Amino acid sequence: MNTQITPDERRLLAEKVGINEQYLYQCLTGRREMSATEAVRIEQETGGRLSRKMLCQDSWGAIWPELVEAQA
């Protein structure tokens, strides 16, 4: 998966938003699911560069069905 962020940018973002950098990495690579609240916050913080769909790869469709409809 293309995470759209370099390791250095990931470290800076994690520090800025107060989450563990490895947790962010694991969410971006599909190893873990981020909470919906944190995913929206990071999406906003990055101006959409990192989307909630990227951070909640397995569950985003159930959490935000309006995004699924918008994609169709």
N, C-alpha and C. Protein backbone atom coordinates (compact mmCIF):
# COMPACT_ATOMS: atom_id res chain seq x y z
N MET A 1 0.84 -1.19 0.00
CA MET A 1 0.00 0.00 0.00
C MET A 1 0.87 1.23 0.00
N ASN A 2 0.50 2.18 -0.81
CA ASN A 2 1.19 3.45 -0.85
C ASN A 2 0.67 4.32 0.30
N THR A 3 1.51 4.59 1.26
CA THR A 3 1.06 5.31 2.45
C THR A 3 1.07 6.81 2.27
N GLN A 4 1.58 7.33 1.17
CA GLN A 4 1.58 8.76 0.88
C GLN A 4 2.31 9.61 1.91
N ILE A 5 3.25 9.03 2.61
CA ILE A 5 3.97 9.78 3.63
C ILE A 5 5.34 9.13 3.85
N THR A 6 6.35 9.94 3.99
CA THR A 6 7.69 9.41 4.22
C THR A 6 7.84 9.03 5.70
N PRO A 7 8.84 8.22 6.01
CA PRO A 7 9.06 7.88 7.43
C PRO A 7 9.30 9.12 8.30
N ASP A 8 10.05 10.08 7.80
CA ASP A 8 10.29 11.30 8.58
C ASP A 8 8.99 12.07 8.79
N GLU A 9 8.18 12.19 7.75
CA GLU A 9 6.89 12.88 7.88
C GLU A 9 5.98 12.14 8.86
N ARG A 10 6.03 10.82 8.80
CA ARG A 10 5.21 10.00 9.71
C ARG A 10 5.61 10.25 11.16
N ARG A 11 6.90 10.30 11.42
CA ARG A 11 7.38 10.55 12.78
C ARG A 11 6.94 11.94 13.26
N LEU A 12 7.08 12.93 12.42
CA LEU A 12 6.68 14.29 12.79
C LEU A 12 5.18 14.39 13.03
N LEU A 13 4.40 13.76 12.18
CA LEU A 13 2.94 13.78 12.34
C LEU A 13 2.54 13.09 13.63
N ALA A 14 3.11 11.93 13.89
CA ALA A 14 2.78 11.19 15.11
C ALA A 14 3.07 12.03 16.34
N GLU A 15 4.21 12.69 16.34
CA GLU A 15 4.57 13.56 17.47
C GLU A 15 3.58 14.72 17.58
N LYS A 16 3.25 15.31 16.46
CA LYS A 16 2.35 16.47 16.46
C LYS A 16 0.96 16.14 17.00
N VAL A 17 0.42 14.97 16.61
CA VAL A 17 -0.93 14.61 17.02
C VAL A 17 -0.96 13.76 18.29
N GLY A 18 0.21 13.41 18.80
CA GLY A 18 0.28 12.70 20.07
C GLY A 18 -0.05 11.23 20.02
N ILE A 19 0.35 10.57 18.93
CA ILE A 19 0.18 9.12 18.86
C ILE A 19 1.53 8.47 18.61
N ASN A 20 1.62 7.19 18.86
CA ASN A 20 2.84 6.44 18.65
C ASN A 20 3.10 6.29 17.15
N GLU A 21 4.32 6.54 16.74
CA GLU A 21 4.67 6.46 15.31
C GLU A 21 4.48 5.06 14.76
N GLN A 22 4.79 4.04 15.54
CA GLN A 22 4.61 2.66 15.07
C GLN A 22 3.13 2.31 14.91
N TYR A 23 2.30 2.83 15.79
CA TYR A 23 0.85 2.65 15.66
C TYR A 23 0.36 3.26 14.35
N LEU A 24 0.82 4.47 14.05
CA LEU A 24 0.44 5.11 12.79
C LEU A 24 0.91 4.27 11.60
N TYR A 25 2.14 3.80 11.65
CA TYR A 25 2.67 2.95 10.59
C TYR A 25 1.83 1.68 10.42
N GLN A 26 1.50 1.04 11.54
CA GLN A 26 0.72 -0.20 11.47
C GLN A 26 -0.67 0.04 10.89
N CYS A 27 -1.26 1.16 11.21
CA CYS A 27 -2.58 1.48 10.65
C CYS A 27 -2.47 1.75 9.15
N LEU A 28 -1.44 2.45 8.74
CA LEU A 28 -1.25 2.76 7.32
C LEU A 28 -0.95 1.51 6.49
N THR A 29 -0.34 0.51 7.10
CA THR A 29 -0.01 -0.70 6.36
C THR A 29 -1.04 -1.81 6.54
N GLY A 30 -2.15 -1.50 7.23
CA GLY A 30 -3.23 -2.46 7.37
C GLY A 30 -3.04 -3.49 8.46
N ARG A 31 -2.04 -3.34 9.28
CA ARG A 31 -1.81 -4.29 10.37
C ARG A 31 -2.73 -4.04 11.56
N ARG A 32 -3.17 -2.79 11.71
CA ARG A 32 -4.08 -2.40 12.79
C ARG A 32 -5.12 -1.44 12.24
N GLU A 33 -6.17 -1.28 13.01
CA GLU A 33 -7.23 -0.33 12.68
C GLU A 33 -7.16 0.84 13.65
N MET A 34 -7.21 2.03 13.12
CA MET A 34 -7.23 3.22 13.97
C MET A 34 -8.66 3.49 14.41
N SER A 35 -8.82 4.14 15.54
CA SER A 35 -10.16 4.51 15.97
C SER A 35 -10.72 5.54 14.99
N ALA A 36 -12.02 5.55 14.84
CA ALA A 36 -12.67 6.47 13.90
C ALA A 36 -12.35 7.92 14.24
N THR A 37 -12.36 8.24 15.51
CA THR A 37 -12.09 9.61 15.95
C THR A 37 -10.68 10.04 15.56
N GLU A 38 -9.71 9.18 15.83
CA GLU A 38 -8.32 9.51 15.48
C GLU A 38 -8.13 9.59 13.98
N ALA A 39 -8.79 8.71 13.23
CA ALA A 39 -8.64 8.71 11.78
C ALA A 39 -9.15 10.02 11.19
N VAL A 40 -10.29 10.49 11.65
CA VAL A 40 -10.83 11.76 11.15
C VAL A 40 -9.91 12.91 11.54
N ARG A 41 -9.39 12.87 12.76
CA ARG A 41 -8.49 13.93 13.22
C ARG A 41 -7.23 13.99 12.36
N ILE A 42 -6.66 12.83 12.03
CA ILE A 42 -5.44 12.80 11.21
C ILE A 42 -5.76 13.19 9.78
N GLU A 43 -6.89 12.76 9.27
CA GLU A 43 -7.30 13.18 7.92
C GLU A 43 -7.39 14.71 7.86
N GLN A 44 -7.98 15.32 8.86
CA GLN A 44 -8.09 16.78 8.91
C GLN A 44 -6.73 17.43 9.08
N GLU A 45 -5.92 16.89 9.95
CA GLU A 45 -4.58 17.44 10.22
C GLU A 45 -3.70 17.43 8.97
N THR A 46 -3.87 16.40 8.13
CA THR A 46 -3.05 16.28 6.93
C THR A 46 -3.74 16.85 5.69
N GLY A 47 -4.88 17.47 5.86
CA GLY A 47 -5.60 18.03 4.72
C GLY A 47 -6.05 16.97 3.73
N GLY A 48 -6.28 15.76 4.23
CA GLY A 48 -6.73 14.65 3.38
C GLY A 48 -5.62 13.84 2.75
N ARG A 49 -4.39 14.23 2.98
CA ARG A 49 -3.26 13.46 2.43
C ARG A 49 -3.29 12.03 2.95
N LEU A 50 -3.58 11.89 4.24
CA LEU A 50 -3.85 10.57 4.82
C LEU A 50 -5.34 10.52 5.09
N SER A 51 -6.01 9.62 4.44
CA SER A 51 -7.47 9.56 4.58
C SER A 51 -7.87 8.54 5.64
N ARG A 52 -9.10 8.69 6.10
CA ARG A 52 -9.62 7.72 7.08
C ARG A 52 -9.72 6.34 6.45
N LYS A 53 -9.91 6.27 5.14
CA LYS A 53 -9.93 4.96 4.46
C LYS A 53 -8.56 4.30 4.53
N MET A 54 -7.50 5.09 4.50
CA MET A 54 -6.15 4.54 4.60
C MET A 54 -5.85 4.06 6.02
N LEU A 55 -6.45 4.71 7.00
CA LEU A 55 -6.15 4.42 8.40
C LEU A 55 -7.05 3.34 9.00
N CYS A 56 -8.20 3.12 8.38
CA CYS A 56 -9.17 2.11 8.84
C CYS A 56 -9.52 1.21 7.66
N GLN A 57 -8.54 0.53 7.13
CA GLN A 57 -8.69 -0.18 5.87
C GLN A 57 -9.77 -1.25 5.88
N ASP A 58 -9.94 -1.95 6.99
CA ASP A 58 -10.93 -3.03 7.04
C ASP A 58 -12.32 -2.56 7.41
N SER A 59 -12.41 -1.44 8.12
CA SER A 59 -13.71 -1.07 8.68
C SER A 59 -14.30 0.24 8.16
N TRP A 60 -13.59 0.96 7.31
CA TRP A 60 -14.05 2.29 6.93
C TRP A 60 -15.44 2.26 6.29
N GLY A 61 -15.75 1.24 5.50
CA GLY A 61 -17.05 1.17 4.84
C GLY A 61 -18.21 1.02 5.80
N ALA A 62 -17.98 0.32 6.90
CA ALA A 62 -19.03 0.15 7.90
C ALA A 62 -19.16 1.40 8.78
N ILE A 63 -18.05 2.08 9.00
CA ILE A 63 -18.07 3.27 9.85
C ILE A 63 -18.65 4.46 9.10
N TRP A 64 -18.26 4.61 7.83
CA TRP A 64 -18.69 5.75 7.02
C TRP A 64 -19.35 5.26 5.73
N PRO A 65 -20.57 4.73 5.82
CA PRO A 65 -21.23 4.21 4.60
C PRO A 65 -21.43 5.28 3.54
N GLU A 66 -21.50 6.53 3.94
CA GLU A 66 -21.66 7.61 2.95
C GLU A 66 -20.46 7.70 2.02
N LEU A 67 -19.27 7.29 2.49
CA LEU A 67 -18.09 7.29 1.63
C LEU A 67 -18.17 6.17 0.59
N VAL A 68 -18.77 5.06 0.97
CA VAL A 68 -18.95 3.95 0.04
C VAL A 68 -19.92 4.39 -1.07
N GLU A 69 -20.99 5.03 -0.68
CA GLU A 69 -21.97 5.51 -1.64
C GLU A 69 -21.38 6.55 -2.57
N ALA A 70 -20.54 7.42 -2.04
CA ALA A 70 -19.91 8.46 -2.84
C ALA A 70 -18.93 7.86 -3.86
N GLN A 71 -18.35 6.71 -3.53
CA GLN A 71 -17.41 6.06 -4.42
C GLN A 71 -18.11 5.38 -5.60
N ALA A 72 -19.37 4.97 -5.38
CA ALA A 72 -20.11 4.22 -6.40
C ALA A 72 -20.47 5.05 -7.60
